[in-house]
């Protein structure tokens, strides 16, 4: 009798463990499916915009070209994604592309559409509030909240080289070499240093930007690339939140 009771208890424990294991597996599979569905939703919405919009001037053409680059990158990421974090990366890339789409639509005088999900990094970076100009090694670099023939390169705001870069239209895409690394990154760092010092906190709409620019660059962050100790790594081109995005309500009207 005692042996029978022991067998029943052991059998119950085995069944309980097996049930919990199946529950965890089902939950993980559900999260993976949700992440994939979200990634595909944003990717398809970006594709709809990229494939149907044609720029009418240089700023809008450039912004749409950047959006198309994000669409291509998101498609490649989607083909290789097998985990929830990888699908969230697809969402990040597609959302960044949609920020460029909004900029292009604004430049063409069109309704930019519904607001996109924000992020802590973008909020920290803020937006350019006025046209500014700095001199970098003998050349002028300008930034403005509005597109123009001179300022025709859009950046949606975020972290570059460990520093917040405000959203706005710039005279050149000085941040791209920094995001890609390599030889050209040093030139981008020089521009970044001048921008952070010359634009001033009053030029941006981000509350945390003033503290970041007022304290100078962080020391000892890869001195091999920048004599001033500017951070040469950890770049983040979009700075967008990886999760918690749209359940299906954004851009449905586009």
C-alpha atoms as a PDB file:
ATOM      1  CA  UNK A   1       0.000   0.000   0.000  1.00  0.00           C
ATOM      2  CA  UNK A   2       2.801   2.384   0.928  1.00  0.00           C
ATOM      3  CA  UNK A   3       4.571   1.560  -2.343  1.00  0.00           C
ATOM      4  CA  UNK A   4       1.418   2.378  -4.280  1.00  0.00           C
ATOM      5  CA  UNK A   5       1.105   5.758  -2.545  1.00  0.00           C
ATOM      6  CA  UNK A   6       4.744   6.546  -3.322  1.00  0.00           C
ATOM      7  CA  UNK A   7       4.220   5.676  -6.971  1.00  0.00           C
ATOM      8  CA  UNK A   8       1.114   7.862  -7.139  1.00  0.00           C
ATOM      9  CA  UNK A   9       2.957  10.829  -5.591  1.00  0.00           C
ATOM     10  CA  UNK A  10       5.933  10.418  -7.922  1.00  0.00           C
ATOM     11  CA  UNK A  11       3.639  10.115 -10.916  1.00  0.00           C
ATOM     12  CA  UNK A  12       1.780  13.266  -9.900  1.00  0.00           C
ATOM     13  CA  UNK A  13       5.014  15.211  -9.577  1.00  0.00           C
ATOM     14  CA  UNK A  14       6.182  14.059 -12.996  1.00  0.00           C
ATOM     15  CA  UNK A  15       2.860  15.094 -14.542  1.00  0.00           C
ATOM     16  CA  UNK A  16       3.058  18.501 -12.829  1.00  0.00           C
ATOM     17  CA  UNK A  17       6.578  19.151 -14.114  1.00  0.00           C
ATOM     18  CA  UNK A  18       5.610  18.089 -17.622  1.00  0.00           C
ATOM     19  CA  UNK A  19       2.565  20.383 -17.601  1.00  0.00           C
ATOM     20  CA  UNK A  20       4.596  23.374 -16.438  1.00  0.00           C
ATOM     21  CA  UNK A  21       7.206  22.652 -19.099  1.00  0.00           C
ATOM     22  CA  UNK A  22       4.559  22.632 -21.804  1.00  0.00           C
ATOM     23  CA  UNK A  23       3.164  25.893 -20.428  1.00  0.00           C
ATOM     24  CA  UNK A  24       6.536  27.602 -20.601  1.00  0.00           C
ATOM     25  CA  UNK A  25       7.057  26.320 -24.117  1.00  0.00           C
ATOM     26  CA  UNK A  26       3.670  27.595 -25.211  1.00  0.00           C
ATOM     27  CA  UNK A  27       4.352  31.008 -23.657  1.00  0.00           C
ATOM     28  CA  UNK A  28       7.730  31.332 -25.382  1.00  0.00           C
ATOM     29  CA  UNK A  29       6.206  30.294 -28.689  1.00  0.00           C
ATOM     30  CA  UNK A  30       3.444  32.851 -28.256  1.00  0.00           C
ATOM     31  CA  UNK A  31       5.962  35.626 -27.569  1.00  0.00           C
ATOM     32  CA  UNK A  32       7.942  34.640 -30.638  1.00  0.00           C
ATOM     33  CA  UNK A  33       4.802  34.669 -32.764  1.00  0.00           C
ATOM     34  CA  UNK A  34       3.771  38.091 -31.440  1.00  0.00           C
ATOM     35  CA  UNK A  35       7.225  39.554 -32.083  1.00  0.00           C
ATOM     36  CA  UNK A  36       7.235  38.197 -35.630  1.00  0.00           C
ATOM     37  CA  UNK A  37       3.748  39.511 -36.369  1.00  0.00           C
ATOM     38  CA  UNK A  38       4.663  42.961 -35.069  1.00  0.00           C
ATOM     39  CA  UNK A  39       7.871  43.038 -37.101  1.00  0.00           C
ATOM     40  CA  UNK A  40       6.074  42.044 -40.289  1.00  0.00           C
ATOM     41  CA  UNK A  41       3.366  44.641 -39.673  1.00  0.00           C
ATOM     42  CA  UNK A  42       5.827  47.528 -39.415  1.00  0.00           C
ATOM     43  CA  UNK A  43       7.942  46.185 -42.260  1.00  0.00           C
ATOM     44  CA  UNK A  44       4.940  45.988 -44.580  1.00  0.00           C
ATOM     45  CA  UNK A  45       3.799  49.491 -43.647  1.00  0.00           C
ATOM     46  CA  UNK A  46       7.234  50.870 -44.399  1.00  0.00           C
ATOM     47  CA  UNK A  47       7.216  49.050 -47.717  1.00  0.00           C
ATOM     48  CA  UNK A  48       3.842  50.514 -48.634  1.00  0.00           C
ATOM     49  CA  UNK A  49       5.209  54.017 -48.127  1.00  0.00           C
ATOM     50  CA  UNK A  50       8.558  53.478 -49.817  1.00  0.00           C
ATOM     51  CA  UNK A  51       7.020  51.859 -52.875  1.00  0.00           C
ATOM     52  CA  UNK A  52       4.264  54.444 -53.346  1.00  0.00           C
ATOM     53  CA  UNK A  53       5.912  57.768 -52.533  1.00  0.00           C
ATOM     54  CA  UNK A  54       8.076  59.794 -54.920  1.00  0.00           C
ATOM     55  CA  UNK A  55      10.048  62.759 -53.641  1.00  0.00           C
ATOM     56  CA  UNK A  56       9.296  66.155 -55.146  1.00  0.00           C
ATOM     57  CA  UNK A  57      12.440  67.976 -53.997  1.00  0.00           C
ATOM     58  CA  UNK A  58      15.928  67.169 -52.763  1.00  0.00           C
ATOM     59  CA  UNK A  59      15.077  66.885 -49.027  1.00  0.00           C
ATOM     60  CA  UNK A  60      12.128  64.544 -49.630  1.00  0.00           C
ATOM     61  CA  UNK A  61      14.084  62.471 -52.156  1.00  0.00           C
ATOM     62  CA  UNK A  62      16.956  62.059 -49.708  1.00  0.00           C
ATOM     63  CA  UNK A  63      14.640  61.159 -46.830  1.00  0.00           C
ATOM     64  CA  UNK A  64      12.865  58.558 -48.977  1.00  0.00           C
ATOM     65  CA  UNK A  65      16.226  57.140 -50.063  1.00  0.00           C
ATOM     66  CA  UNK A  66      17.137  56.708 -46.392  1.00  0.00           C
ATOM     67  CA  UNK A  67      13.743  55.118 -45.749  1.00  0.00           C
ATOM     68  CA  UNK A  68      14.360  52.693 -48.637  1.00  0.00           C
ATOM     69  CA  UNK A  69      17.709  51.745 -47.102  1.00  0.00           C
ATOM     70  CA  UNK A  70      15.939  50.898 -43.836  1.00  0.00           C
ATOM     71  CA  UNK A  71      13.343  48.890 -45.745  1.00  0.00           C
ATOM     72  CA  UNK A  72      16.058  46.831 -47.414  1.00  0.00           C
ATOM     73  CA  UNK A  73      17.871  46.334 -44.117  1.00  0.00           C
ATOM     74  CA  UNK A  74      14.673  45.343 -42.314  1.00  0.00           C
ATOM     75  CA  UNK A  75      13.890  42.810 -45.047  1.00  0.00           C
ATOM     76  CA  UNK A  76      17.305  41.217 -44.670  1.00  0.00           C
ATOM     77  CA  UNK A  77      16.914  41.099 -40.886  1.00  0.00           C
ATOM     78  CA  UNK A  78      13.461  39.584 -41.240  1.00  0.00           C
ATOM     79  CA  UNK A  79      14.730  36.798 -43.479  1.00  0.00           C
ATOM     80  CA  UNK A  80      17.303  35.814 -40.866  1.00  0.00           C
ATOM     81  CA  UNK A  81      15.258  36.348 -37.697  1.00  0.00           C
ATOM     82  CA  UNK A  82      14.569  33.283 -35.570  1.00  0.00           C
ATOM     83  CA  UNK A  83      14.112  34.777 -32.093  1.00  0.00           C
ATOM     84  CA  UNK A  84      12.000  37.471 -30.444  1.00  0.00           C
ATOM     85  CA  UNK A  85      14.962  39.887 -29.985  1.00  0.00           C
ATOM     86  CA  UNK A  86      15.824  39.531 -33.659  1.00  0.00           C
ATOM     87  CA  UNK A  87      12.254  40.298 -34.669  1.00  0.00           C
ATOM     88  CA  UNK A  88      12.298  43.339 -32.364  1.00  0.00           C
ATOM     89  CA  UNK A  89      15.387  44.521 -34.234  1.00  0.00           C
ATOM     90  CA  UNK A  90      13.359  44.319 -37.456  1.00  0.00           C
ATOM     91  CA  UNK A  91      10.690  46.461 -35.792  1.00  0.00           C
ATOM     92  CA  UNK A  92      13.326  49.008 -34.733  1.00  0.00           C
ATOM     93  CA  UNK A  93      14.720  49.273 -38.259  1.00  0.00           C
ATOM     94  CA  UNK A  94      11.295  49.565 -39.872  1.00  0.00           C
ATOM     95  CA  UNK A  95      10.230  52.233 -37.399  1.00  0.00           C
ATOM     96  CA  UNK A  96      13.341  54.239 -38.140  1.00  0.00           C
ATOM     97  CA  UNK A  97      12.463  54.028 -41.809  1.00  0.00           C
ATOM     98  CA  UNK A  98       8.985  55.329 -41.051  1.00  0.00           C
ATOM     99  CA  UNK A  99      10.474  58.349 -39.292  1.00  0.00           C
ATOM    100  CA  UNK A 100      12.247  59.143 -42.548  1.00  0.00           C
ATOM    101  CA  UNK A 101       8.953  58.692 -44.386  1.00  0.00           C
ATOM    102  CA  UNK A 102       7.278  61.184 -42.058  1.00  0.00           C
ATOM    103  CA  UNK A 103      10.101  63.651 -42.733  1.00  0.00           C
ATOM    104  CA  UNK A 104       9.705  63.206 -46.494  1.00  0.00           C
ATOM    105  CA  UNK A 105       5.949  63.715 -46.336  1.00  0.00           C
ATOM    106  CA  UNK A 106       6.441  66.852 -44.247  1.00  0.00           C
ATOM    107  CA  UNK A 107       9.008  68.192 -46.717  1.00  0.00           C
ATOM    108  CA  UNK A 108       6.475  67.718 -49.525  1.00  0.00           C
ATOM    109  CA  UNK A 109       3.731  69.512 -47.605  1.00  0.00           C
ATOM    110  CA  UNK A 110       1.782  66.305 -47.008  1.00  0.00           C
ATOM    111  CA  UNK A 111       0.115  65.083 -43.847  1.00  0.00           C
ATOM    112  CA  UNK A 112       2.873  63.177 -42.035  1.00  0.00           C
ATOM    113  CA  UNK A 113       0.329  60.716 -40.658  1.00  0.00           C
ATOM    114  CA  UNK A 114      -0.140  59.410 -37.115  1.00  0.00           C
ATOM    115  CA  UNK A 115       2.620  59.804 -34.565  1.00  0.00           C
ATOM    116  CA  UNK A 116       5.102  56.961 -34.282  1.00  0.00           C
ATOM    117  CA  UNK A 117       6.076  55.278 -31.020  1.00  0.00           C
ATOM    118  CA  UNK A 118       8.802  57.272 -29.315  1.00  0.00           C
ATOM    119  CA  UNK A 119      11.756  56.176 -27.261  1.00  0.00           C
ATOM    120  CA  UNK A 120      13.727  57.393 -24.271  1.00  0.00           C
ATOM    121  CA  UNK A 121      16.767  58.039 -26.453  1.00  0.00           C
ATOM    122  CA  UNK A 122      14.870  60.137 -28.966  1.00  0.00           C
ATOM    123  CA  UNK A 123      13.163  62.105 -26.192  1.00  0.00           C
ATOM    124  CA  UNK A 124      16.541  62.715 -24.615  1.00  0.00           C
ATOM    125  CA  UNK A 125      18.007  63.967 -27.895  1.00  0.00           C
ATOM    126  CA  UNK A 126      15.134  66.354 -28.570  1.00  0.00           C
ATOM    127  CA  UNK A 127      14.720  68.311 -31.787  1.00  0.00           C
ATOM    128  CA  UNK A 128      16.423  71.303 -33.316  1.00  0.00           C
ATOM    129  CA  UNK A 129      14.428  74.401 -32.417  1.00  0.00           C
ATOM    130  CA  UNK A 130      16.236  76.891 -34.638  1.00  0.00           C
ATOM    131  CA  UNK A 131      18.714  77.059 -37.502  1.00  0.00           C
ATOM    132  CA  UNK A 132      22.292  76.775 -36.286  1.00  0.00           C
ATOM    133  CA  UNK A 133      25.716  76.866 -37.920  1.00  0.00           C
ATOM    134  CA  UNK A 134      29.119  75.660 -36.766  1.00  0.00           C
ATOM    135  CA  UNK A 135      32.533  75.727 -38.379  1.00  0.00           C
ATOM    136  CA  UNK A 136      34.324  72.386 -38.569  1.00  0.00           C
ATOM    137  CA  UNK A 137      37.883  72.356 -39.855  1.00  0.00           C
ATOM    138  CA  UNK A 138      37.222  75.169 -42.278  1.00  0.00           C
ATOM    139  CA  UNK A 139      33.807  74.089 -43.501  1.00  0.00           C
ATOM    140  CA  UNK A 140      30.358  75.131 -42.404  1.00  0.00           C
ATOM    141  CA  UNK A 141      27.837  72.604 -41.094  1.00  0.00           C
ATOM    142  CA  UNK A 142      24.284  73.745 -40.496  1.00  0.00           C
ATOM    143  CA  UNK A 143      21.190  72.258 -38.947  1.00  0.00           C
ATOM    144  CA  UNK A 144      17.567  73.359 -38.977  1.00  0.00           C
ATOM    145  CA  UNK A 145      14.137  72.161 -37.866  1.00  0.00           C
ATOM    146  CA  UNK A 146      12.909  72.743 -41.432  1.00  0.00           C
ATOM    147  CA  UNK A 147      14.154  71.206 -44.698  1.00  0.00           C
ATOM    148  CA  UNK A 148      15.749  73.410 -47.344  1.00  0.00           C
ATOM    149  CA  UNK A 149      18.025  73.170 -50.352  1.00  0.00           C
ATOM    150  CA  UNK A 150      20.949  73.590 -47.968  1.00  0.00           C
ATOM    151  CA  UNK A 151      19.716  71.388 -45.139  1.00  0.00           C
ATOM    152  CA  UNK A 152      18.419  68.347 -46.973  1.00  0.00           C
ATOM    153  CA  UNK A 153      19.647  65.438 -44.819  1.00  0.00           C
ATOM    154  CA  UNK A 154      17.248  64.337 -42.111  1.00  0.00           C
ATOM    155  CA  UNK A 155      18.129  62.591 -38.865  1.00  0.00           C
ATOM    156  CA  UNK A 156      15.257  61.319 -36.676  1.00  0.00           C
ATOM    157  CA  UNK A 157      17.078  61.879 -33.387  1.00  0.00           C
ATOM    158  CA  UNK A 158      18.862  59.409 -31.163  1.00  0.00           C
ATOM    159  CA  UNK A 159      22.234  58.420 -29.805  1.00  0.00           C
ATOM    160  CA  UNK A 160      25.388  58.673 -31.905  1.00  0.00           C
ATOM    161  CA  UNK A 161      28.739  57.818 -30.370  1.00  0.00           C
ATOM    162  CA  UNK A 162      27.239  57.849 -26.897  1.00  0.00           C
ATOM    163  CA  UNK A 163      25.803  61.345 -27.310  1.00  0.00           C
ATOM    164  CA  UNK A 164      22.253  62.505 -28.130  1.00  0.00           C
ATOM    165  CA  UNK A 165      21.833  64.029 -31.585  1.00  0.00           C
ATOM    166  CA  UNK A 166      18.658  66.104 -32.004  1.00  0.00           C
ATOM    167  CA  UNK A 167      16.216  65.372 -34.772  1.00  0.00           C
ATOM    168  CA  UNK A 168      16.361  67.826 -37.638  1.00  0.00           C
ATOM    169  CA  UNK A 169      17.601  68.622 -41.123  1.00  0.00           C
ATOM    170  CA  UNK A 170      21.351  68.959 -41.617  1.00  0.00           C
ATOM    171  CA  UNK A 171      23.580  70.184 -44.419  1.00  0.00           C
ATOM    172  CA  UNK A 172      25.368  66.846 -44.536  1.00  0.00           C
ATOM    173  CA  UNK A 173      24.856  63.364 -43.068  1.00  0.00           C
ATOM    174  CA  UNK A 174      27.859  63.733 -40.759  1.00  0.00           C
ATOM    175  CA  UNK A 175      26.619  60.986 -38.411  1.00  0.00           C
ATOM    176  CA  UNK A 176      26.754  58.165 -40.979  1.00  0.00           C
ATOM    177  CA  UNK A 177      30.521  57.517 -40.773  1.00  0.00           C
ATOM    178  CA  UNK A 178      30.211  57.356 -36.996  1.00  0.00           C
ATOM    179  CA  UNK A 179      27.455  54.760 -37.218  1.00  0.00           C
ATOM    180  CA  UNK A 180      29.441  52.655 -39.679  1.00  0.00           C
ATOM    181  CA  UNK A 181      32.798  53.052 -37.932  1.00  0.00           C
ATOM    182  CA  UNK A 182      36.076  52.831 -39.784  1.00  0.00           C
ATOM    183  CA  UNK A 183      38.283  55.599 -41.116  1.00  0.00           C
ATOM    184  CA  UNK A 184      35.516  58.123 -41.675  1.00  0.00           C
ATOM    185  CA  UNK A 185      34.314  57.967 -38.084  1.00  0.00           C
ATOM    186  CA  UNK A 186      36.912  60.444 -36.862  1.00  0.00           C
ATOM    187  CA  UNK A 187      35.636  63.161 -39.185  1.00  0.00           C
ATOM    188  CA  UNK A 188      32.127  62.575 -37.908  1.00  0.00           C
ATOM    189  CA  UNK A 189      33.373  62.880 -34.337  1.00  0.00           C
ATOM    190  CA  UNK A 190      34.912  66.250 -35.114  1.00  0.00           C
ATOM    191  CA  UNK A 191      31.592  67.461 -36.473  1.00  0.00           C
ATOM    192  CA  UNK A 192      29.764  66.019 -33.469  1.00  0.00           C
ATOM    193  CA  UNK A 193      32.118  67.792 -31.078  1.00  0.00           C
ATOM    194  CA  UNK A 194      31.583  71.124 -32.825  1.00  0.00           C
ATOM    195  CA  UNK A 195      27.830  70.617 -32.943  1.00  0.00           C
ATOM    196  CA  UNK A 196      27.547  69.736 -29.279  1.00  0.00           C
ATOM    197  CA  UNK A 197      29.621  72.783 -28.347  1.00  0.00           C
ATOM    198  CA  UNK A 198      28.360  75.246 -30.943  1.00  0.00           C
ATOM    199  CA  UNK A 199      24.648  74.524 -31.173  1.00  0.00           C
ATOM    200  CA  UNK A 200      24.081  75.017 -27.464  1.00  0.00           C
ATOM    201  CA  UNK A 201      21.277  73.766 -25.266  1.00  0.00           C
ATOM    202  CA  UNK A 202      18.954  76.548 -26.419  1.00  0.00           C
ATOM    203  CA  UNK A 203      18.948  75.093 -29.924  1.00  0.00           C
ATOM    204  CA  UNK A 204      17.297  71.816 -29.006  1.00  0.00           C
ATOM    205  CA  UNK A 205      14.031  70.766 -27.494  1.00  0.00           C
ATOM    206  CA  UNK A 206      15.337  67.894 -25.359  1.00  0.00           C
ATOM    207  CA  UNK A 207      15.602  68.503 -21.625  1.00  0.00           C
ATOM    208  CA  UNK A 208      18.576  66.200 -21.066  1.00  0.00           C
ATOM    209  CA  UNK A 209      20.571  67.663 -23.925  1.00  0.00           C
ATOM    210  CA  UNK A 210      21.747  70.685 -21.944  1.00  0.00           C
ATOM    211  CA  UNK A 211      23.432  68.544 -19.311  1.00  0.00           C
ATOM    212  CA  UNK A 212      25.042  66.339 -21.921  1.00  0.00           C
ATOM    213  CA  UNK A 213      26.523  69.210 -23.868  1.00  0.00           C
ATOM    214  CA  UNK A 214      27.463  71.255 -20.828  1.00  0.00           C
ATOM    215  CA  UNK A 215      29.678  68.559 -19.362  1.00  0.00           C
ATOM    216  CA  UNK A 216      31.859  67.962 -22.422  1.00  0.00           C
ATOM    217  CA  UNK A 217      32.794  64.544 -23.770  1.00  0.00           C
ATOM    218  CA  UNK A 218      33.284  61.523 -21.610  1.00  0.00           C
ATOM    219  CA  UNK A 219      36.995  60.943 -20.973  1.00  0.00           C
ATOM    220  CA  UNK A 220      38.801  57.761 -21.782  1.00  0.00           C
ATOM    221  CA  UNK A 221      36.365  56.386 -24.279  1.00  0.00           C
ATOM    222  CA  UNK A 222      38.544  54.915 -27.023  1.00  0.00           C
ATOM    223  CA  UNK A 223      41.381  57.454 -27.204  1.00  0.00           C
ATOM    224  CA  UNK A 224      42.758  55.646 -30.238  1.00  0.00           C
ATOM    225  CA  UNK A 225      40.053  57.122 -32.433  1.00  0.00           C
ATOM    226  CA  UNK A 226      39.655  60.570 -30.916  1.00  0.00           C
ATOM    227  CA  UNK A 227      42.225  62.659 -29.049  1.00  0.00           C
ATOM    228  CA  UNK A 228      39.409  64.239 -27.090  1.00  0.00           C
ATOM    229  CA  UNK A 229      38.271  60.926 -25.648  1.00  0.00           C
ATOM    230  CA  UNK A 230      34.988  60.767 -27.557  1.00  0.00           C
ATOM    231  CA  UNK A 231      33.264  57.428 -27.472  1.00  0.00           C
ATOM    232  CA  UNK A 232      34.079  55.486 -30.610  1.00  0.00           C
ATOM    233  CA  UNK A 233      31.741  52.571 -30.040  1.00  0.00           C
ATOM    234  CA  UNK A 234      28.290  51.573 -29.067  1.00  0.00           C
ATOM    235  CA  UNK A 235      26.639  53.407 -31.913  1.00  0.00           C
ATOM    236  CA  UNK A 236      22.902  53.367 -32.314  1.00  0.00           C
ATOM    237  CA  UNK A 237      21.490  54.621 -35.588  1.00  0.00           C
ATOM    238  CA  UNK A 238      17.811  54.717 -34.701  1.00  0.00           C
ATOM    239  CA  UNK A 239      17.632  54.596 -30.957  1.00  0.00           C
ATOM    240  CA  UNK A 240      14.148  53.198 -31.084  1.00  0.00           C
ATOM    241  CA  UNK A 241      12.407  51.143 -28.497  1.00  0.00           C
ATOM    242  CA  UNK A 242      12.501  47.433 -29.278  1.00  0.00           C
ATOM    243  CA  UNK A 243       9.135  46.517 -27.853  1.00  0.00           C
ATOM    244  CA  UNK A 244       5.711  47.626 -26.860  1.00  0.00           C
ATOM    245  CA  UNK A 245       4.772  49.010 -30.229  1.00  0.00           C
ATOM    246  CA  UNK A 246       1.571  49.206 -32.148  1.00  0.00           C
ATOM    247  CA  UNK A 247      -1.113  46.620 -31.875  1.00  0.00           C
ATOM    248  CA  UNK A 248      -2.350  47.436 -35.320  1.00  0.00           C
ATOM    249  CA  UNK A 249      -3.661  50.977 -35.086  1.00  0.00           C
ATOM    250  CA  UNK A 250      -0.882  53.058 -36.614  1.00  0.00           C
ATOM    251  CA  UNK A 251      -0.650  53.888 -40.319  1.00  0.00           C
ATOM    252  CA  UNK A 252      -3.761  51.881 -41.154  1.00  0.00           C
ATOM    253  CA  UNK A 253      -5.008  54.831 -43.170  1.00  0.00           C
ATOM    254  CA  UNK A 254      -1.872  55.037 -45.327  1.00  0.00           C
END
